[in-house]
Structures are given as structure tokens and as C-alpha cells.
Amino acid sequence: TMNTILGQMQTSTVCPDCQGDGKK
């Protein structure tokens, strides 16, 4: 969640720890 001049905005990205697998 980031605060911008337009208000709060959410962005979703692939998890850097599991590379999107959801498990290790």
C-alpha cells in the first residue's frame, strides 16, 4: 500500500521469497 497524491493505492506483485509458489 502506497500513499500518493490521489490517495492510497495497492499493488500486488509475485512473492520474492517463494517466486509465486506459495510454499517453500
PDB file of all heavy atoms in Angstrom:
ATOM      1  N   THR A   1       0.852  -1.185   0.000  1.00  0.00           N
ATOM      2  CA  THR A   1       0.000   0.000   0.000  1.00  0.00           C
ATOM      3  C   THR A   1       0.886   1.232   0.000  1.00  0.00           C
ATOM      4  O   THR A   1       1.800   1.354   0.832  1.00  0.00           O
ATOM      5  CB  THR A   1      -0.927   0.023   1.227  1.00  0.00           C
ATOM      6  OG1 THR A   1      -1.730  -1.172   1.229  1.00  0.00           O
ATOM      7  CG2 THR A   1      -1.834   1.233   1.209  1.00  0.00           C
ATOM      8  N   MET A   2       0.615   2.127  -0.944  1.00  0.00           N
ATOM      9  CA  MET A   2       1.420   3.343  -1.064  1.00  0.00           C
ATOM     10  C   MET A   2       0.499   4.555  -1.002  1.00  0.00           C
ATOM     11  O   MET A   2      -0.631   4.526  -1.514  1.00  0.00           O
ATOM     12  CB  MET A   2       2.178   3.352  -2.393  1.00  0.00           C
ATOM     13  CG  MET A   2       3.197   2.235  -2.536  1.00  0.00           C
ATOM     14  SD  MET A   2       4.122   2.367  -4.090  1.00  0.00           S
ATOM     15  CE  MET A   2       2.795   2.089  -5.264  1.00  0.00           C
ATOM     16  N   ASN A   3       1.013   5.608  -0.337  1.00  0.00           N
ATOM     17  CA  ASN A   3       0.291   6.877  -0.274  1.00  0.00           C
ATOM     18  C   ASN A   3       0.726   7.747  -1.449  1.00  0.00           C
ATOM     19  O   ASN A   3       1.908   7.989  -1.663  1.00  0.00           O
ATOM     20  CB  ASN A   3       0.577   7.602   1.044  1.00  0.00           C
ATOM     21  CG  ASN A   3       0.003   6.855   2.237  1.00  0.00           C
ATOM     22  OD1 ASN A   3      -1.130   6.390   2.190  1.00  0.00           O
ATOM     23  ND2 ASN A   3       0.790   6.739   3.301  1.00  0.00           N
ATOM     24  N   THR A   4      -0.256   8.190  -2.217  1.00  0.00           N
ATOM     25  CA  THR A   4       0.028   9.056  -3.361  1.00  0.00           C
ATOM     26  C   THR A   4      -0.836  10.293  -3.261  1.00  0.00           C
ATOM     27  O   THR A   4      -1.702  10.409  -2.376  1.00  0.00           O
ATOM     28  CB  THR A   4      -0.265   8.328  -4.686  1.00  0.00           C
ATOM     29  OG1 THR A   4      -1.687   8.168  -4.830  1.00  0.00           O
ATOM     30  CG2 THR A   4       0.406   6.962  -4.720  1.00  0.00           C
ATOM     31  N   ILE A   5      -0.622  11.214  -4.162  1.00  0.00           N
ATOM     32  CA  ILE A   5      -1.420  12.447  -4.155  1.00  0.00           C
ATOM     33  C   ILE A   5      -2.887  12.143  -4.475  1.00  0.00           C
ATOM     34  O   ILE A   5      -3.762  12.969  -4.222  1.00  0.00           O
ATOM     35  CB  ILE A   5      -0.869  13.468  -5.152  1.00  0.00           C
ATOM     36  CG1 ILE A   5      -0.861  12.865  -6.566  1.00  0.00           C
ATOM     37  CG2 ILE A   5       0.513  13.934  -4.755  1.00  0.00           C
ATOM     38  CD1 ILE A   5      -0.457  13.898  -7.632  1.00  0.00           C
ATOM     39  N   LEU A   6      -3.134  10.959  -5.026  1.00  0.00           N
ATOM     40  CA  LEU A   6      -4.507  10.562  -5.331  1.00  0.00           C
ATOM     41  C   LEU A   6      -5.106   9.717  -4.219  1.00  0.00           C
ATOM     42  O   LEU A   6      -6.225   9.229  -4.337  1.00  0.00           O
ATOM     43  CB  LEU A   6      -4.541   9.773  -6.647  1.00  0.00           C
ATOM     44  CG  LEU A   6      -4.035  10.517  -7.883  1.00  0.00           C
ATOM     45  CD1 LEU A   6      -4.038   9.589  -9.096  1.00  0.00           C
ATOM     46  CD2 LEU A   6      -4.903  11.751  -8.156  1.00  0.00           C
ATOM     47  N   GLY A   7      -4.348   9.510  -3.169  1.00  0.00           N
ATOM     48  CA  GLY A   7      -4.817   8.680  -2.072  1.00  0.00           C
ATOM     49  C   GLY A   7      -4.017   7.394  -1.993  1.00  0.00           C
ATOM     50  O   GLY A   7      -2.972   7.248  -2.621  1.00  0.00           O
ATOM     51  N   GLN A   8      -4.493   6.444  -1.220  1.00  0.00           N
ATOM     52  CA  GLN A   8      -3.793   5.180  -1.072  1.00  0.00           C
ATOM     53  C   GLN A   8      -4.040   4.271  -2.279  1.00  0.00           C
ATOM     54  O   GLN A   8      -5.160   4.166  -2.773  1.00  0.00           O
ATOM     55  CB  GLN A   8      -4.240   4.464   0.200  1.00  0.00           C
ATOM     56  CG  GLN A   8      -3.735   5.094   1.490  1.00  0.00           C
ATOM     57  CD  GLN A   8      -4.029   4.226   2.699  1.00  0.00           C
ATOM     58  OE1 GLN A   8      -4.982   3.452   2.695  1.00  0.00           O
ATOM     59  NE2 GLN A   8      -3.215   4.366   3.742  1.00  0.00           N
ATOM     60  N   MET A   9      -2.966   3.646  -2.731  1.00  0.00           N
ATOM     61  CA  MET A   9      -3.062   2.719  -3.852  1.00  0.00           C
ATOM     62  C   MET A   9      -2.387   1.411  -3.479  1.00  0.00           C
ATOM     63  O   MET A   9      -1.344   1.406  -2.823  1.00  0.00           O
ATOM     64  CB  MET A   9      -2.398   3.303  -5.119  1.00  0.00           C
ATOM     65  CG  MET A   9      -3.064   4.563  -5.629  1.00  0.00           C
ATOM     66  SD  MET A   9      -2.343   5.121  -7.185  1.00  0.00           S
ATOM     67  CE  MET A   9      -2.811   3.760  -8.264  1.00  0.00           C
ATOM     68  N   GLN A  10      -2.997   0.298  -3.888  1.00  0.00           N
ATOM     69  CA  GLN A  10      -2.451  -1.023  -3.608  1.00  0.00           C
ATOM     70  C   GLN A  10      -1.925  -1.660  -4.885  1.00  0.00           C
ATOM     71  O   GLN A  10      -2.545  -1.567  -5.944  1.00  0.00           O
ATOM     72  CB  GLN A  10      -3.512  -1.942  -2.987  1.00  0.00           C
ATOM     73  CG  GLN A  10      -3.883  -1.600  -1.562  1.00  0.00           C
ATOM     74  CD  GLN A  10      -4.807  -2.628  -0.965  1.00  0.00           C
ATOM     75  OE1 GLN A  10      -5.515  -3.331  -1.677  1.00  0.00           O
ATOM     76  NE2 GLN A  10      -4.805  -2.728   0.359  1.00  0.00           N
ATOM     77  N   THR A  11      -0.786  -2.303  -4.790  1.00  0.00           N
ATOM     78  CA  THR A  11      -0.220  -3.048  -5.914  1.00  0.00           C
ATOM     79  C   THR A  11       0.140  -4.457  -5.436  1.00  0.00           C
ATOM     80  O   THR A  11       0.581  -4.645  -4.302  1.00  0.00           O
ATOM     81  CB  THR A  11       1.042  -2.368  -6.470  1.00  0.00           C
ATOM     82  OG1 THR A  11       2.024  -2.266  -5.429  1.00  0.00           O
ATOM     83  CG2 THR A  11       0.728  -0.984  -7.019  1.00  0.00           C
ATOM     84  N   SER A  12      -0.082  -5.425  -6.290  1.00  0.00           N
ATOM     85  CA  SER A  12       0.251  -6.818  -5.971  1.00  0.00           C
ATOM     86  C   SER A  12       1.363  -7.293  -6.887  1.00  0.00           C
ATOM     87  O   SER A  12       1.321  -7.075  -8.104  1.00  0.00           O
ATOM     88  CB  SER A  12      -0.983  -7.720  -6.140  1.00  0.00           C
ATOM     89  OG  SER A  12      -1.982  -7.374  -5.210  1.00  0.00           O
ATOM     90  N   THR A  13       2.354  -7.951  -6.307  1.00  0.00           N
ATOM     91  CA  THR A  13       3.473  -8.487  -7.082  1.00  0.00           C
ATOM     92  C   THR A  13       3.752  -9.921  -6.641  1.00  0.00           C
ATOM     93  O   THR A  13       3.306 -10.354  -5.578  1.00  0.00           O
ATOM     94  CB  THR A  13       4.751  -7.639  -6.878  1.00  0.00           C
ATOM     95  OG1 THR A  13       5.081  -7.615  -5.488  1.00  0.00           O
ATOM     96  CG2 THR A  13       4.550  -6.217  -7.383  1.00  0.00           C
ATOM     97  N   VAL A  14       4.482 -10.645  -7.474  1.00  0.00           N
ATOM     98  CA  VAL A  14       4.860 -12.018  -7.135  1.00  0.00           C
ATOM     99  C   VAL A  14       5.740 -12.008  -5.897  1.00  0.00           C
ATOM    100  O   VAL A  14       6.641 -11.176  -5.752  1.00  0.00           O
ATOM    101  CB  VAL A  14       5.606 -12.672  -8.314  1.00  0.00           C
ATOM    102  CG1 VAL A  14       6.127 -14.051  -7.915  1.00  0.00           C
ATOM    103  CG2 VAL A  14       4.687 -12.796  -9.513  1.00  0.00           C
ATOM    104  N   CYS A  15       5.471 -12.934  -5.002  1.00  0.00           N
ATOM    105  CA  CYS A  15       6.236 -13.005  -3.751  1.00  0.00           C
ATOM    106  C   CYS A  15       7.713 -13.246  -4.059  1.00  0.00           C
ATOM    107  O   CYS A  15       8.057 -14.200  -4.767  1.00  0.00           O
ATOM    108  CB  CYS A  15       5.694 -14.132  -2.881  1.00  0.00           C
ATOM    109  SG  CYS A  15       6.641 -14.378  -1.358  1.00  0.00           S
ATOM    110  N   PRO A  16       8.613 -12.417  -3.544  1.00  0.00           N
ATOM    111  CA  PRO A  16      10.037 -12.572  -3.848  1.00  0.00           C
ATOM    112  C   PRO A  16      10.689 -13.771  -3.166  1.00  0.00           C
ATOM    113  O   PRO A  16      11.733 -14.250  -3.609  1.00  0.00           O
ATOM    114  CB  PRO A  16      10.640 -11.259  -3.327  1.00  0.00           C
ATOM    115  CG  PRO A  16       9.715 -10.826  -2.228  1.00  0.00           C
ATOM    116  CD  PRO A  16       8.344 -11.243  -2.674  1.00  0.00           C
ATOM    117  N   ASP A  17      10.061 -14.298  -2.109  1.00  0.00           N
ATOM    118  CA  ASP A  17      10.664 -15.412  -1.373  1.00  0.00           C
ATOM    119  C   ASP A  17      10.327 -16.776  -1.968  1.00  0.00           C
ATOM    120  O   ASP A  17      11.158 -17.681  -1.998  1.00  0.00           O
ATOM    121  CB  ASP A  17      10.224 -15.372   0.103  1.00  0.00           C
ATOM    122  CG  ASP A  17      10.920 -14.255   0.864  1.00  0.00           C
ATOM    123  OD1 ASP A  17      11.911 -13.709   0.328  1.00  0.00           O
ATOM    124  OD2 ASP A  17      10.467 -13.917   1.967  1.00  0.00           O
ATOM    125  N   CYS A  18       9.097 -16.945  -2.446  1.00  0.00           N
ATOM    126  CA  CYS A  18       8.694 -18.253  -2.995  1.00  0.00           C
ATOM    127  C   CYS A  18       8.473 -18.208  -4.496  1.00  0.00           C
ATOM    128  O   CYS A  18       8.083 -19.209  -5.099  1.00  0.00           O
ATOM    129  CB  CYS A  18       7.438 -18.758  -2.298  1.00  0.00           C
ATOM    130  SG  CYS A  18       5.957 -17.752  -2.614  1.00  0.00           S
ATOM    131  N   GLN A  19       8.712 -17.026  -5.108  1.00  0.00           N
ATOM    132  CA  GLN A  19       8.532 -16.841  -6.553  1.00  0.00           C
ATOM    133  C   GLN A  19       7.135 -17.244  -7.028  1.00  0.00           C
ATOM    134  O   GLN A  19       6.944 -17.755  -8.130  1.00  0.00           O
ATOM    135  CB  GLN A  19       9.587 -17.624  -7.355  1.00  0.00           C
ATOM    136  CG  GLN A  19      10.971 -17.028  -7.328  1.00  0.00           C
ATOM    137  CD  GLN A  19      11.664 -17.261  -5.993  1.00  0.00           C
ATOM    138  OE1 GLN A  19      11.734 -18.400  -5.527  1.00  0.00           O
ATOM    139  NE2 GLN A  19      12.182 -16.198  -5.410  1.00  0.00           N
ATOM    140  N   GLY A  20       6.153 -16.999  -6.173  1.00  0.00           N
ATOM    141  CA  GLY A  20       4.772 -17.234  -6.568  1.00  0.00           C
ATOM    142  C   GLY A  20       4.252 -18.616  -6.260  1.00  0.00           C
ATOM    143  O   GLY A  20       3.075 -18.904  -6.506  1.00  0.00           O
ATOM    144  N   ASP A  21       5.087 -19.515  -5.717  1.00  0.00           N
ATOM    145  CA  ASP A  21       4.630 -20.874  -5.436  1.00  0.00           C
ATOM    146  C   ASP A  21       3.713 -20.942  -4.214  1.00  0.00           C
ATOM    147  O   ASP A  21       2.896 -21.855  -4.090  1.00  0.00           O
ATOM    148  CB  ASP A  21       5.825 -21.811  -5.200  1.00  0.00           C
ATOM    149  CG  ASP A  21       6.561 -22.115  -6.488  1.00  0.00           C
ATOM    150  OD1 ASP A  21       5.951 -21.960  -7.560  1.00  0.00           O
ATOM    151  OD2 ASP A  21       7.738 -22.522  -6.415  1.00  0.00           O
ATOM    152  N   GLY A  22       3.876 -20.022  -3.280  1.00  0.00           N
ATOM    153  CA  GLY A  22       3.078 -20.032  -2.062  1.00  0.00           C
ATOM    154  C   GLY A  22       3.632 -20.945  -0.990  1.00  0.00           C
ATOM    155  O   GLY A  22       3.087 -21.024   0.106  1.00  0.00           O
ATOM    156  N   LYS A  23       4.710 -21.660  -1.310  1.00  0.00           N
ATOM    157  CA  LYS A  23       5.312 -22.562  -0.323  1.00  0.00           C
ATOM    158  C   LYS A  23       6.807 -22.673  -0.581  1.00  0.00           C
ATOM    159  O   LYS A  23       7.291 -22.394  -1.679  1.00  0.00           O
ATOM    160  CB  LYS A  23       4.656 -23.938  -0.374  1.00  0.00           C
ATOM    161  CG  LYS A  23       4.683 -24.582  -1.743  1.00  0.00           C
ATOM    162  CD  LYS A  23       3.848 -25.837  -1.781  1.00  0.00           C
ATOM    163  CE  LYS A  23       3.839 -26.461  -3.182  1.00  0.00           C
ATOM    164  NZ  LYS A  23       2.974 -27.646  -3.249  1.00  0.00           N
ATOM    165  N   LYS A  24       7.521 -23.109   0.435  1.00  0.00           N
ATOM    166  CA  LYS A  24       8.970 -23.282   0.341  1.00  0.00           C
ATOM    167  C   LYS A  24       9.335 -24.728   0.615  1.00  0.00           C
ATOM    168  O   LYS A  24       8.726 -25.389   1.469  1.00  0.00           O
ATOM    169  CB  LYS A  24       9.682 -22.373   1.353  1.00  0.00           C
ATOM    170  CG  LYS A  24       9.675 -20.898   0.999  1.00  0.00           C
ATOM    171  CD  LYS A  24      10.516 -20.115   2.012  1.00  0.00           C
ATOM    172  CE  LYS A  24      10.635 -18.659   1.610  1.00  0.00           C
ATOM    173  NZ  LYS A  24      11.493 -17.912   2.587  1.00  0.00           N
TER     174      LYS A  24
END
